Each structure stands twice: as C-alpha cells, then as structure tokens.
Amino acid sequence: MLNMAPSYRKTQSIARKYDATADTHYDVRYSEGQFEKYRSLLDAVAGTLPPVPGTTIVDSGCGSGLLLPFLSQNGVIRGKCFVGLDISGGMLARAMIKAGHRPGTCFIRATVDLLPLRDGVASDVFSVSTFQNLDTKQQGQYFKETRRVMQGYDATFFFGFLDKPPLSDDVDKILQDLKHFFKNVVVIEKNPRIEDRLFVCKDP
C-alpha cells in the first residue's frame, strides 16, 4: 500500500482511533447504519449503477471495507474495478480481508484530500461518513480532488456526512461547494433512521 503520512492533526487523531478499533467493535456498531446509507444513495439512482465492465468505483474513506460486499450483494459492481482509500492501516487490513481475492480490487493508504489516483479514473466515487473527520483546510481540497479523479460524463459522486454540529450548521455552504463542482446535485430527503446528510452529485 502507498503510505502517505497524514498532514493534519485531526486526521492523525482519527487514524489512531480507527487503528485501535478496527479489530473490535467497528463493524458491529456501524455496519447496519452504513448499509442503510448506501441503500438510500443507490435508490436515488434507481437502485443500481450503469453496468459498464472495466470502469472503476472508488470508495474514498473506505474504513473497514463495508461498501464492497454491499455492492457485490446487490449486483452493482459486477465487472468493475474497485479502489478503497483510507488513512487507517488497521481499517484497510480489515477491508482487504472482506475483499478476499476479488480481481480488480486494491486498497491504498492515503488522505482523501490528496488522492494518489490519476485524473478521470473513477466512474463513481462513494464517500460516506468521511467528511466530518477532515480538518477545515482539507475539506475544500477534498471536493476538488474528488472531482479531479472522476470521469467527466455521467460520473456520480455519492456523498454523506454526519448531520451534527458544526457541519449541520454549514449545510448550505457545503451544498454550494458541491454545486461548484457538479451541475446536478440531488439532496436526499432526510431519513430519521440515518444520521448523515446524503447527496448524489453528477454531470450532466
């Protein structure tokens, strides 16, 4: 894995926290909630993604790798490559166990505001419950980097962040930031069972 050192204090703290919890309670505590977020995001695009073999899905802030088995179980990722990125080595180790020996899958240790990926590599990017873990300086660069690695036409950004202060007080600003990079931003109706604000962003 690419070992990219964290640049910010909050990121370093998050990495240490997740390294410490990766083998214990994380999946038990969060998997059901994460799956519900993924389902809501996919429902916003009619429950599936275009079946284009050879395209690449990026999970930006993949944690313990819950997204990949979810997409596999729902028949969404067939024939596609998958790249998971996270700052926690412990989480990535768990994610690799879940992935097994699936072809076209890799995991990279990196901060999500400095993605070690070439321009336009991703057909779709998922980033759920990651934004709140970034320092303020990273948040602006995060959207720019996400857009950079996405293919131009019909690429989709599935985005969610924890709907608690301070981010819940900045929803309008975050929405404007998203609209700066994407022509079409859909705000998913709030579900009381889901802690995140969810968005689906794409061009056109």
N, C-alpha and C. Protein backbone atom coordinates (compact mmCIF):
# COMPACT_ATOMS: atom_id res chain seq x y z
N MET A 1 0.84 -1.19 0.00
CA MET A 1 0.00 0.00 0.00
C MET A 1 0.88 1.25 0.00
N LEU A 2 0.37 2.31 -0.62
CA LEU A 2 1.05 3.59 -0.57
C LEU A 2 0.92 4.16 0.82
N ASN A 3 2.01 4.49 1.45
CA ASN A 3 1.99 5.02 2.81
C ASN A 3 2.15 6.52 2.76
N MET A 4 1.04 7.25 2.80
CA MET A 4 1.07 8.70 2.74
C MET A 4 0.81 9.25 4.13
N ALA A 5 1.78 9.95 4.70
CA ALA A 5 1.66 10.45 6.07
C ALA A 5 0.56 11.49 6.17
N PRO A 6 -0.25 11.46 7.23
CA PRO A 6 -1.28 12.48 7.44
C PRO A 6 -0.65 13.87 7.58
N SER A 7 -1.35 14.88 7.07
CA SER A 7 -0.82 16.23 7.10
C SER A 7 -1.44 17.08 8.20
N TYR A 8 -2.54 16.60 8.78
CA TYR A 8 -3.28 17.43 9.71
C TYR A 8 -3.52 16.71 11.04
N ARG A 9 -3.64 17.50 12.10
CA ARG A 9 -3.77 16.95 13.45
C ARG A 9 -5.00 16.08 13.60
N LYS A 10 -6.16 16.56 13.11
CA LYS A 10 -7.40 15.79 13.26
C LYS A 10 -7.30 14.45 12.52
N THR A 11 -6.72 14.48 11.33
CA THR A 11 -6.55 13.26 10.55
C THR A 11 -5.68 12.25 11.30
N GLN A 12 -4.61 12.73 11.91
CA GLN A 12 -3.74 11.86 12.68
C GLN A 12 -4.50 11.22 13.84
N SER A 13 -5.33 12.03 14.53
CA SER A 13 -6.10 11.52 15.65
C SER A 13 -7.10 10.46 15.19
N ILE A 14 -7.77 10.71 14.06
CA ILE A 14 -8.74 9.75 13.52
C ILE A 14 -8.05 8.45 13.15
N ALA A 15 -6.88 8.56 12.52
CA ALA A 15 -6.14 7.35 12.13
C ALA A 15 -5.81 6.50 13.34
N ARG A 16 -5.34 7.13 14.41
CA ARG A 16 -5.01 6.38 15.63
C ARG A 16 -6.26 5.73 16.23
N LYS A 17 -7.37 6.46 16.24
CA LYS A 17 -8.61 5.92 16.79
C LYS A 17 -9.06 4.69 16.01
N TYR A 18 -9.07 4.79 14.67
CA TYR A 18 -9.57 3.68 13.86
C TYR A 18 -8.59 2.52 13.84
N ASP A 19 -7.30 2.79 13.93
CA ASP A 19 -6.34 1.69 14.07
C ASP A 19 -6.63 0.88 15.34
N ALA A 20 -7.04 1.59 16.39
CA ALA A 20 -7.28 0.93 17.67
C ALA A 20 -8.59 0.15 17.70
N THR A 21 -9.58 0.56 16.88
CA THR A 21 -10.90 -0.07 16.94
C THR A 21 -11.19 -1.00 15.77
N ALA A 22 -10.30 -1.10 14.81
CA ALA A 22 -10.57 -1.84 13.58
C ALA A 22 -10.90 -3.30 13.85
N ASP A 23 -10.26 -3.90 14.85
CA ASP A 23 -10.47 -5.33 15.12
C ASP A 23 -11.52 -5.61 16.18
N THR A 24 -12.18 -4.56 16.66
CA THR A 24 -13.11 -4.80 17.77
C THR A 24 -14.55 -4.49 17.38
N HIS A 25 -15.02 -3.29 17.69
CA HIS A 25 -16.45 -3.03 17.63
C HIS A 25 -16.93 -2.34 16.37
N TYR A 26 -16.04 -1.91 15.48
CA TYR A 26 -16.45 -1.01 14.40
C TYR A 26 -17.56 -1.60 13.54
N ASP A 27 -17.34 -2.79 13.00
CA ASP A 27 -18.34 -3.38 12.11
C ASP A 27 -19.65 -3.65 12.84
N VAL A 28 -19.56 -4.14 14.05
CA VAL A 28 -20.77 -4.44 14.83
C VAL A 28 -21.58 -3.18 15.06
N ARG A 29 -20.88 -2.10 15.35
CA ARG A 29 -21.57 -0.86 15.70
C ARG A 29 -22.10 -0.11 14.48
N TYR A 30 -21.37 -0.15 13.36
CA TYR A 30 -21.68 0.75 12.26
C TYR A 30 -22.22 0.09 10.98
N SER A 31 -22.08 -1.21 10.82
CA SER A 31 -22.40 -1.81 9.52
C SER A 31 -23.85 -1.61 9.12
N GLU A 32 -24.79 -1.83 10.02
CA GLU A 32 -26.20 -1.70 9.67
C GLU A 32 -26.53 -0.27 9.22
N GLY A 33 -26.01 0.72 9.94
CA GLY A 33 -26.25 2.11 9.57
C GLY A 33 -25.61 2.47 8.24
N GLN A 34 -24.39 1.98 8.00
CA GLN A 34 -23.74 2.26 6.73
C GLN A 34 -24.50 1.63 5.57
N PHE A 35 -24.97 0.41 5.74
CA PHE A 35 -25.72 -0.24 4.67
C PHE A 35 -26.99 0.55 4.33
N GLU A 36 -27.62 1.11 5.34
CA GLU A 36 -28.84 1.89 5.08
C GLU A 36 -28.50 3.17 4.30
N LYS A 37 -27.37 3.77 4.61
CA LYS A 37 -26.94 4.95 3.84
C LYS A 37 -26.66 4.57 2.39
N TYR A 38 -25.94 3.47 2.19
CA TYR A 38 -25.64 3.03 0.82
C TYR A 38 -26.93 2.77 0.04
N ARG A 39 -27.90 2.12 0.70
CA ARG A 39 -29.15 1.82 0.03
C ARG A 39 -29.89 3.10 -0.38
N SER A 40 -29.92 4.09 0.50
CA SER A 40 -30.57 5.36 0.18
C SER A 40 -29.89 6.05 -0.99
N LEU A 41 -28.57 6.00 -1.02
CA LEU A 41 -27.84 6.62 -2.12
C LEU A 41 -28.12 5.91 -3.44
N LEU A 42 -28.12 4.59 -3.44
CA LEU A 42 -28.40 3.85 -4.67
C LEU A 42 -29.84 4.03 -5.11
N ASP A 43 -30.76 4.12 -4.17
CA ASP A 43 -32.16 4.33 -4.52
C ASP A 43 -32.35 5.62 -5.30
N ALA A 44 -31.48 6.60 -5.03
CA ALA A 44 -31.57 7.89 -5.73
C ALA A 44 -31.18 7.78 -7.20
N VAL A 45 -30.50 6.69 -7.57
CA VAL A 45 -30.17 6.45 -8.98
C VAL A 45 -30.84 5.16 -9.45
N ALA A 46 -32.08 4.98 -8.99
CA ALA A 46 -32.91 3.84 -9.38
C ALA A 46 -32.34 2.50 -8.90
N GLY A 47 -31.56 2.52 -7.84
CA GLY A 47 -31.14 1.30 -7.19
C GLY A 47 -29.95 0.59 -7.78
N THR A 48 -29.34 1.14 -8.82
CA THR A 48 -28.22 0.45 -9.46
C THR A 48 -27.28 1.46 -10.10
N LEU A 49 -26.22 0.97 -10.72
CA LEU A 49 -25.28 1.79 -11.47
C LEU A 49 -25.18 1.22 -12.88
N PRO A 50 -24.81 2.05 -13.86
CA PRO A 50 -24.69 1.53 -15.23
C PRO A 50 -23.74 0.33 -15.29
N PRO A 51 -24.16 -0.75 -15.91
CA PRO A 51 -23.32 -1.97 -15.97
C PRO A 51 -22.23 -1.84 -17.03
N VAL A 52 -21.20 -1.08 -16.71
CA VAL A 52 -20.11 -0.85 -17.67
C VAL A 52 -18.87 -1.58 -17.18
N PRO A 53 -18.58 -2.77 -17.70
CA PRO A 53 -17.39 -3.53 -17.26
C PRO A 53 -16.11 -2.74 -17.48
N GLY A 54 -15.19 -2.89 -16.56
CA GLY A 54 -13.90 -2.23 -16.69
C GLY A 54 -13.84 -0.85 -16.09
N THR A 55 -14.98 -0.26 -15.74
CA THR A 55 -14.96 1.03 -15.06
C THR A 55 -14.58 0.84 -13.59
N THR A 56 -14.31 1.95 -12.92
CA THR A 56 -13.75 1.88 -11.57
C THR A 56 -14.61 2.63 -10.57
N ILE A 57 -14.96 1.96 -9.48
CA ILE A 57 -15.62 2.59 -8.34
C ILE A 57 -14.56 2.87 -7.28
N VAL A 58 -14.56 4.09 -6.77
CA VAL A 58 -13.63 4.50 -5.71
C VAL A 58 -14.42 4.72 -4.43
N ASP A 59 -13.94 4.11 -3.35
CA ASP A 59 -14.51 4.32 -2.02
C ASP A 59 -13.52 5.19 -1.24
N SER A 60 -13.84 6.47 -1.13
CA SER A 60 -12.93 7.45 -0.57
C SER A 60 -13.21 7.59 0.93
N GLY A 61 -12.34 6.97 1.73
CA GLY A 61 -12.59 6.83 3.15
C GLY A 61 -13.33 5.53 3.40
N CYS A 62 -12.73 4.43 2.95
CA CYS A 62 -13.43 3.14 2.89
C CYS A 62 -13.58 2.47 4.24
N GLY A 63 -12.86 2.92 5.27
CA GLY A 63 -12.98 2.29 6.57
C GLY A 63 -12.65 0.81 6.50
N SER A 64 -13.47 0.00 7.12
CA SER A 64 -13.22 -1.45 7.18
C SER A 64 -13.73 -2.19 5.97
N GLY A 65 -14.11 -1.46 4.92
CA GLY A 65 -14.47 -2.11 3.66
C GLY A 65 -15.90 -2.61 3.58
N LEU A 66 -16.85 -1.89 4.18
CA LEU A 66 -18.24 -2.33 4.17
C LEU A 66 -18.90 -2.14 2.81
N LEU A 67 -18.45 -1.16 2.03
CA LEU A 67 -19.12 -0.86 0.76
C LEU A 67 -18.99 -1.98 -0.25
N LEU A 68 -17.80 -2.56 -0.39
CA LEU A 68 -17.58 -3.56 -1.43
C LEU A 68 -18.51 -4.76 -1.30
N PRO A 69 -18.62 -5.41 -0.13
CA PRO A 69 -19.56 -6.53 -0.04
C PRO A 69 -21.01 -6.10 -0.25
N PHE A 70 -21.35 -4.87 0.16
CA PHE A 70 -22.71 -4.38 -0.08
C PHE A 70 -22.99 -4.28 -1.57
N LEU A 71 -22.07 -3.69 -2.32
CA LEU A 71 -22.26 -3.57 -3.77
C LEU A 71 -22.29 -4.94 -4.43
N SER A 72 -21.45 -5.84 -3.96
CA SER A 72 -21.42 -7.19 -4.52
C SER A 72 -22.74 -7.91 -4.28
N GLN A 73 -23.25 -7.82 -3.07
CA GLN A 73 -24.51 -8.49 -2.73
C GLN A 73 -25.69 -7.93 -3.51
N ASN A 74 -25.58 -6.68 -3.92
CA ASN A 74 -26.67 -6.04 -4.66
C ASN A 74 -26.42 -6.02 -6.17
N GLY A 75 -25.40 -6.77 -6.62
CA GLY A 75 -25.15 -6.91 -8.04
C GLY A 75 -24.74 -5.64 -8.75
N VAL A 76 -24.18 -4.68 -8.00
CA VAL A 76 -23.87 -3.37 -8.57
C VAL A 76 -22.47 -3.31 -9.17
N ILE A 77 -21.57 -4.14 -8.69
CA ILE A 77 -20.16 -3.96 -9.02
C ILE A 77 -19.64 -5.00 -10.00
N ARG A 78 -20.50 -5.83 -10.51
CA ARG A 78 -20.08 -6.91 -11.41
C ARG A 78 -19.29 -6.36 -12.60
N GLY A 79 -18.07 -6.88 -12.78
CA GLY A 79 -17.24 -6.49 -13.91
C GLY A 79 -16.49 -5.19 -13.73
N LYS A 80 -16.63 -4.55 -12.58
CA LYS A 80 -15.98 -3.26 -12.35
C LYS A 80 -14.78 -3.42 -11.42
N CYS A 81 -13.85 -2.49 -11.55
CA CYS A 81 -12.72 -2.42 -10.62
C CYS A 81 -13.17 -1.65 -9.37
N PHE A 82 -12.43 -1.85 -8.29
CA PHE A 82 -12.77 -1.19 -7.04
C PHE A 82 -11.49 -0.74 -6.35
N VAL A 83 -11.47 0.53 -5.93
CA VAL A 83 -10.33 1.08 -5.19
C VAL A 83 -10.85 1.66 -3.88
N GLY A 84 -10.31 1.18 -2.76
CA GLY A 84 -10.66 1.72 -1.46
C GLY A 84 -9.48 2.48 -0.88
N LEU A 85 -9.75 3.67 -0.34
CA LEU A 85 -8.70 4.50 0.25
C LEU A 85 -9.09 4.87 1.66
N ASP A 86 -8.10 4.82 2.56
CA ASP A 86 -8.35 5.21 3.95
C ASP A 86 -7.02 5.58 4.59
N ILE A 87 -7.10 6.39 5.64
CA ILE A 87 -5.88 6.80 6.33
C ILE A 87 -5.46 5.78 7.39
N SER A 88 -6.36 4.87 7.75
CA SER A 88 -6.07 3.90 8.82
C SER A 88 -5.58 2.58 8.25
N GLY A 89 -4.38 2.21 8.61
CA GLY A 89 -3.86 0.92 8.18
C GLY A 89 -4.65 -0.24 8.76
N GLY A 90 -5.12 -0.08 10.01
CA GLY A 90 -5.92 -1.13 10.62
C GLY A 90 -7.23 -1.36 9.88
N MET A 91 -7.89 -0.29 9.49
CA MET A 91 -9.13 -0.41 8.72
C MET A 91 -8.88 -1.05 7.36
N LEU A 92 -7.82 -0.66 6.72
CA LEU A 92 -7.51 -1.23 5.41
C LEU A 92 -7.24 -2.73 5.51
N ALA A 93 -6.61 -3.15 6.58
CA ALA A 93 -6.37 -4.58 6.77
C ALA A 93 -7.69 -5.34 6.85
N ARG A 94 -8.67 -4.77 7.56
CA ARG A 94 -9.99 -5.39 7.64
C ARG A 94 -10.68 -5.39 6.28
N ALA A 95 -10.53 -4.30 5.57
CA ALA A 95 -11.16 -4.20 4.25
C ALA A 95 -10.60 -5.25 3.28
N MET A 96 -9.30 -5.49 3.35
CA MET A 96 -8.69 -6.47 2.46
C MET A 96 -9.17 -7.89 2.78
N ILE A 97 -9.43 -8.17 4.06
CA ILE A 97 -9.97 -9.48 4.42
C ILE A 97 -11.35 -9.66 3.80
N LYS A 98 -12.19 -8.62 3.88
CA LYS A 98 -13.53 -8.70 3.29
C LYS A 98 -13.46 -8.90 1.78
N ALA A 99 -12.51 -8.24 1.14
CA ALA A 99 -12.42 -8.31 -0.32
C ALA A 99 -11.92 -9.66 -0.80
N GLY A 100 -11.18 -10.36 0.03
CA GLY A 100 -10.63 -11.65 -0.39
C GLY A 100 -9.71 -11.48 -1.58
N HIS A 101 -9.90 -12.33 -2.57
CA HIS A 101 -9.04 -12.28 -3.76
C HIS A 101 -9.82 -11.77 -4.98
N ARG A 102 -10.77 -10.87 -4.74
CA ARG A 102 -11.57 -10.35 -5.84
C ARG A 102 -10.68 -9.65 -6.86
N PRO A 103 -10.76 -10.04 -8.14
CA PRO A 103 -9.95 -9.38 -9.18
C PRO A 103 -10.32 -7.90 -9.33
N GLY A 104 -9.33 -7.10 -9.68
CA GLY A 104 -9.60 -5.69 -9.94
C GLY A 104 -9.85 -4.86 -8.70
N THR A 105 -9.36 -5.34 -7.55
CA THR A 105 -9.60 -4.64 -6.29
C THR A 105 -8.27 -4.27 -5.65
N CYS A 106 -8.17 -3.04 -5.17
CA CYS A 106 -6.97 -2.65 -4.43
C CYS A 106 -7.34 -1.65 -3.34
N PHE A 107 -6.46 -1.56 -2.34
CA PHE A 107 -6.66 -0.65 -1.22
C PHE A 107 -5.38 0.15 -1.02
N ILE A 108 -5.55 1.45 -0.74
CA ILE A 108 -4.43 2.37 -0.66
C ILE A 108 -4.54 3.21 0.60
N ARG A 109 -3.45 3.34 1.31
CA ARG A 109 -3.44 4.23 2.47
C ARG A 109 -3.13 5.65 2.01
N ALA A 110 -4.09 6.54 2.24
CA ALA A 110 -3.95 7.92 1.76
C ALA A 110 -4.98 8.81 2.42
N THR A 111 -4.72 10.10 2.45
CA THR A 111 -5.72 11.07 2.88
C THR A 111 -6.60 11.41 1.68
N VAL A 112 -7.89 11.63 1.94
CA VAL A 112 -8.83 11.80 0.84
C VAL A 112 -8.71 13.16 0.17
N ASP A 113 -7.95 14.07 0.74
CA ASP A 113 -7.72 15.36 0.08
C ASP A 113 -6.47 15.33 -0.79
N LEU A 114 -5.76 14.21 -0.81
CA LEU A 114 -4.58 14.03 -1.66
C LEU A 114 -4.65 12.62 -2.25
N LEU A 115 -5.54 12.43 -3.19
CA LEU A 115 -5.78 11.09 -3.73
C LEU A 115 -4.67 10.67 -4.69
N PRO A 116 -4.02 9.55 -4.45
CA PRO A 116 -2.95 9.09 -5.34
C PRO A 116 -3.52 8.34 -6.54
N LEU A 117 -4.41 9.01 -7.28
CA LEU A 117 -5.07 8.44 -8.44
C LEU A 117 -4.97 9.40 -9.61
N ARG A 118 -4.94 8.85 -10.81
CA ARG A 118 -4.83 9.71 -11.98
C ARG A 118 -6.16 10.40 -12.27
N ASP A 119 -6.09 11.47 -13.05
CA ASP A 119 -7.28 12.22 -13.43
C ASP A 119 -8.27 11.31 -14.17
N GLY A 120 -9.55 11.44 -13.84
CA GLY A 120 -10.60 10.78 -14.60
C GLY A 120 -10.65 9.27 -14.48
N VAL A 121 -10.07 8.69 -13.45
CA VAL A 121 -10.01 7.23 -13.34
C VAL A 121 -11.32 6.62 -12.87
N ALA A 122 -12.15 7.40 -12.15
CA ALA A 122 -13.31 6.83 -11.47
C ALA A 122 -14.60 7.08 -12.25
N SER A 123 -15.38 6.02 -12.41
CA SER A 123 -16.73 6.19 -12.96
C SER A 123 -17.70 6.61 -11.87
N ASP A 124 -17.43 6.20 -10.63
CA ASP A 124 -18.26 6.57 -9.49
C ASP A 124 -17.38 6.66 -8.25
N VAL A 125 -17.69 7.62 -7.39
CA VAL A 125 -16.99 7.77 -6.12
C VAL A 125 -18.02 7.75 -4.99
N PHE A 126 -17.78 6.89 -4.01
CA PHE A 126 -18.56 6.88 -2.78
C PHE A 126 -17.69 7.47 -1.68
N SER A 127 -18.29 8.36 -0.89
CA SER A 127 -17.58 8.89 0.28
C SER A 127 -18.63 9.19 1.34
N VAL A 128 -18.79 8.27 2.25
CA VAL A 128 -19.88 8.33 3.23
C VAL A 128 -19.29 8.34 4.64
N SER A 129 -19.65 9.35 5.42
CA SER A 129 -19.21 9.47 6.82
C SER A 129 -17.70 9.67 6.93
N THR A 130 -17.14 10.37 5.96
CA THR A 130 -15.71 10.69 5.98
C THR A 130 -15.46 12.18 6.17
N PHE A 131 -16.30 13.00 5.58
CA PHE A 131 -16.09 14.45 5.54
C PHE A 131 -15.92 15.04 6.93
N GLN A 132 -16.69 14.55 7.91
CA GLN A 132 -16.62 15.12 9.26
C GLN A 132 -15.31 14.82 9.96
N ASN A 133 -14.52 13.89 9.42
CA ASN A 133 -13.24 13.54 10.02
C ASN A 133 -12.09 14.39 9.50
N LEU A 134 -12.39 15.34 8.61
CA LEU A 134 -11.34 16.15 8.00
C LEU A 134 -11.18 17.47 8.73
N ASP A 135 -9.94 17.97 8.74
CA ASP A 135 -9.71 19.34 9.18
C ASP A 135 -10.32 20.31 8.17
N THR A 136 -10.62 21.51 8.64
CA THR A 136 -11.25 22.51 7.77
C THR A 136 -10.43 22.76 6.52
N LYS A 137 -9.10 22.78 6.65
CA LYS A 137 -8.24 23.01 5.49
C LYS A 137 -8.38 21.91 4.45
N GLN A 138 -8.67 20.71 4.92
CA GLN A 138 -8.78 19.59 4.00
C GLN A 138 -10.11 19.56 3.26
N GLN A 139 -11.16 20.11 3.86
CA GLN A 139 -12.50 19.95 3.30
C GLN A 139 -12.64 20.57 1.92
N GLY A 140 -12.09 21.75 1.71
CA GLY A 140 -12.17 22.38 0.40
C GLY A 140 -11.40 21.59 -0.65
N GLN A 141 -10.22 21.15 -0.32
CA GLN A 141 -9.41 20.36 -1.24
C GLN A 141 -10.05 19.01 -1.54
N TYR A 142 -10.78 18.48 -0.59
CA TYR A 142 -11.45 17.19 -0.73
C TYR A 142 -12.39 17.17 -1.93
N PHE A 143 -13.24 18.19 -2.07
CA PHE A 143 -14.16 18.24 -3.21
C PHE A 143 -13.40 18.39 -4.53
N LYS A 144 -12.38 19.22 -4.53
CA LYS A 144 -11.58 19.42 -5.74
C LYS A 144 -10.91 18.12 -6.18
N GLU A 145 -10.33 17.38 -5.23
CA GLU A 145 -9.67 16.12 -5.54
C GLU A 145 -10.67 15.06 -6.02
N THR A 146 -11.83 15.03 -5.37
CA THR A 146 -12.84 14.07 -5.79
C THR A 146 -13.24 14.32 -7.23
N ARG A 147 -13.47 15.56 -7.57
CA ARG A 147 -13.88 15.89 -8.96
C ARG A 147 -12.77 15.57 -9.94
N ARG A 148 -11.54 15.78 -9.54
CA ARG A 148 -10.41 15.54 -10.44
C ARG A 148 -10.32 14.09 -10.87
N VAL A 149 -10.56 13.16 -9.95
CA VAL A 149 -10.38 11.75 -10.29
C VAL A 149 -11.60 11.14 -10.97
N MET A 150 -12.67 11.93 -11.12
CA MET A 150 -13.88 11.40 -11.72
C MET A 150 -13.92 11.65 -13.22
N GLN A 151 -14.44 10.70 -13.96
CA GLN A 151 -14.66 10.85 -15.39
C GLN A 151 -15.68 11.95 -15.61
N GLY A 152 -15.58 12.62 -16.75
CA GLY A 152 -16.40 13.79 -16.99
C GLY A 152 -17.87 13.51 -17.13
N TYR A 153 -18.27 12.66 -18.06
CA TYR A 153 -19.69 12.48 -18.36
C TYR A 153 -20.28 11.32 -17.58
N ASP A 154 -21.37 11.61 -16.88
CA ASP A 154 -22.16 10.58 -16.20
C ASP A 154 -21.44 9.93 -15.02
N ALA A 155 -20.37 10.54 -14.55
CA ALA A 155 -19.75 10.05 -13.31
C ALA A 155 -20.58 10.55 -12.14
N THR A 156 -20.66 9.73 -11.09
CA THR A 156 -21.53 10.04 -9.97
C THR A 156 -20.74 10.05 -8.65
N PHE A 157 -21.02 11.06 -7.84
CA PHE A 157 -20.42 11.19 -6.51
C PHE A 157 -21.52 10.95 -5.48
N PHE A 158 -21.37 9.87 -4.70
CA PHE A 158 -22.30 9.52 -3.64
C PHE A 158 -21.69 9.99 -2.33
N PHE A 159 -22.30 10.98 -1.70
CA PHE A 159 -21.65 11.73 -0.61
C PHE A 159 -22.57 11.83 0.60
N GLY A 160 -21.99 11.63 1.78
CA GLY A 160 -22.74 11.83 3.01
C GLY A 160 -21.84 12.23 4.15
N PHE A 161 -22.36 13.06 5.05
CA PHE A 161 -21.59 13.44 6.23
C PHE A 161 -22.52 13.45 7.45
N LEU A 162 -21.93 13.29 8.60
CA LEU A 162 -22.67 13.22 9.85
C LEU A 162 -23.41 14.53 10.10
N ASP A 163 -24.72 14.43 10.29
CA ASP A 163 -25.57 15.62 10.40
C ASP A 163 -25.61 16.13 11.84
N LYS A 164 -24.46 16.56 12.32
CA LYS A 164 -24.34 17.13 13.65
C LYS A 164 -23.44 18.36 13.57
N PRO A 165 -23.57 19.30 14.53
CA PRO A 165 -22.69 20.46 14.51
C PRO A 165 -21.23 20.03 14.57
N PRO A 166 -20.34 20.78 13.92
CA PRO A 166 -20.61 22.04 13.22
C PRO A 166 -21.11 21.87 11.79
N LEU A 167 -21.02 20.67 11.22
CA LEU A 167 -21.38 20.53 9.80
C LEU A 167 -22.87 20.76 9.55
N SER A 168 -23.73 20.36 10.50
CA SER A 168 -25.16 20.58 10.30
C SER A 168 -25.50 22.06 10.23
N ASP A 169 -24.63 22.92 10.76
CA ASP A 169 -24.83 24.37 10.67
C ASP A 169 -24.32 24.93 9.36
N ASP A 170 -23.58 24.12 8.60
CA ASP A 170 -22.96 24.59 7.36
C ASP A 170 -23.50 23.88 6.12
N VAL A 171 -24.71 23.32 6.21
CA VAL A 171 -25.26 22.55 5.10
C VAL A 171 -25.36 23.40 3.84
N ASP A 172 -25.83 24.63 3.97
CA ASP A 172 -25.99 25.49 2.78
C ASP A 172 -24.65 25.75 2.11
N LYS A 173 -23.62 25.99 2.90
CA LYS A 173 -22.28 26.22 2.32
C LYS A 173 -21.77 24.95 1.63
N ILE A 174 -21.95 23.81 2.27
CA ILE A 174 -21.50 22.55 1.67
C ILE A 174 -22.24 22.29 0.37
N LEU A 175 -23.54 22.58 0.35
CA LEU A 175 -24.32 22.42 -0.87
C LEU A 175 -23.80 23.32 -1.98
N GLN A 176 -23.46 24.55 -1.66
CA GLN A 176 -22.90 25.45 -2.66
C GLN A 176 -21.55 24.97 -3.16
N ASP A 177 -20.74 24.42 -2.27
CA ASP A 177 -19.45 23.86 -2.69
C ASP A 177 -19.66 22.71 -3.67
N LEU A 178 -20.63 21.85 -3.38
CA LEU A 178 -20.92 20.74 -4.29
C LEU A 178 -21.38 21.26 -5.65
N LYS A 179 -22.22 22.28 -5.66
CA LYS A 179 -22.73 22.83 -6.92
C LYS A 179 -21.64 23.52 -7.73
N HIS A 180 -20.58 23.90 -7.06
CA HIS A 180 -19.44 24.48 -7.79
C HIS A 180 -18.75 23.45 -8.67
N PHE A 181 -18.77 22.20 -8.23
CA PHE A 181 -18.07 21.14 -8.95
C PHE A 181 -18.99 20.24 -9.77
N PHE A 182 -20.29 20.23 -9.46
CA PHE A 182 -21.22 19.33 -10.15
C PHE A 182 -22.45 20.11 -10.61
N LYS A 183 -22.90 19.84 -11.83
CA LYS A 183 -24.05 20.54 -12.38
C LYS A 183 -25.36 20.07 -11.75
N ASN A 184 -25.41 18.82 -11.34
CA ASN A 184 -26.65 18.24 -10.84
C ASN A 184 -26.40 17.68 -9.44
N VAL A 185 -26.96 18.33 -8.43
CA VAL A 185 -26.79 17.89 -7.04
C VAL A 185 -28.17 17.58 -6.47
N VAL A 186 -28.37 16.32 -6.11
CA VAL A 186 -29.64 15.89 -5.51
C VAL A 186 -29.46 15.73 -4.01
N VAL A 187 -30.28 16.43 -3.25
CA VAL A 187 -30.27 16.30 -1.79
C VAL A 187 -31.31 15.23 -1.43
N ILE A 188 -30.87 14.16 -0.83
CA ILE A 188 -31.78 13.07 -0.48
C ILE A 188 -32.59 13.45 0.76
N GLU A 189 -33.88 13.18 0.68
CA GLU A 189 -34.77 13.53 1.78
C GLU A 189 -34.30 12.89 3.08
N LYS A 190 -34.33 13.67 4.14
CA LYS A 190 -33.82 13.21 5.44
C LYS A 190 -34.62 12.02 5.95
N ASN A 191 -33.90 11.00 6.35
CA ASN A 191 -34.48 9.80 6.93
C ASN A 191 -34.12 9.79 8.41
N PRO A 192 -35.09 9.73 9.31
CA PRO A 192 -34.77 9.81 10.75
C PRO A 192 -33.90 8.66 11.25
N ARG A 193 -33.84 7.57 10.48
CA ARG A 193 -33.01 6.44 10.89
C ARG A 193 -31.54 6.62 10.48
N ILE A 194 -31.29 7.60 9.63
CA ILE A 194 -29.93 7.81 9.10
C ILE A 194 -29.34 9.08 9.68
N GLU A 195 -28.15 8.98 10.22
CA GLU A 195 -27.52 10.12 10.88
C GLU A 195 -26.88 11.09 9.90
N ASP A 196 -26.69 10.69 8.67
CA ASP A 196 -25.97 11.51 7.70
C ASP A 196 -26.91 12.33 6.83
N ARG A 197 -26.42 13.48 6.35
CA ARG A 197 -27.00 14.17 5.21
C ARG A 197 -26.41 13.51 3.96
N LEU A 198 -27.27 13.16 3.03
CA LEU A 198 -26.83 12.40 1.85
C LEU A 198 -27.11 13.20 0.58
N PHE A 199 -26.17 13.09 -0.37
CA PHE A 199 -26.26 13.80 -1.65
C PHE A 199 -25.80 12.87 -2.77
N VAL A 200 -26.40 13.03 -3.94
CA VAL A 200 -25.93 12.38 -5.15
C VAL A 200 -25.62 13.48 -6.16
N CYS A 201 -24.38 13.51 -6.62
CA CYS A 201 -23.91 14.60 -7.48
C CYS A 201 -23.38 14.01 -8.79
N LYS A 202 -23.75 14.66 -9.89
CA LYS A 202 -23.24 14.14 -11.17
C LYS A 202 -23.31 15.20 -12.25
N ASP A 203 -22.67 14.92 -13.36
CA ASP A 203 -22.79 15.66 -14.61
C ASP A 203 -23.27 14.71 -15.68
N PRO A 204 -24.22 15.07 -16.52
CA PRO A 204 -24.89 16.38 -16.54
C PRO A 204 -25.92 16.44 -15.45
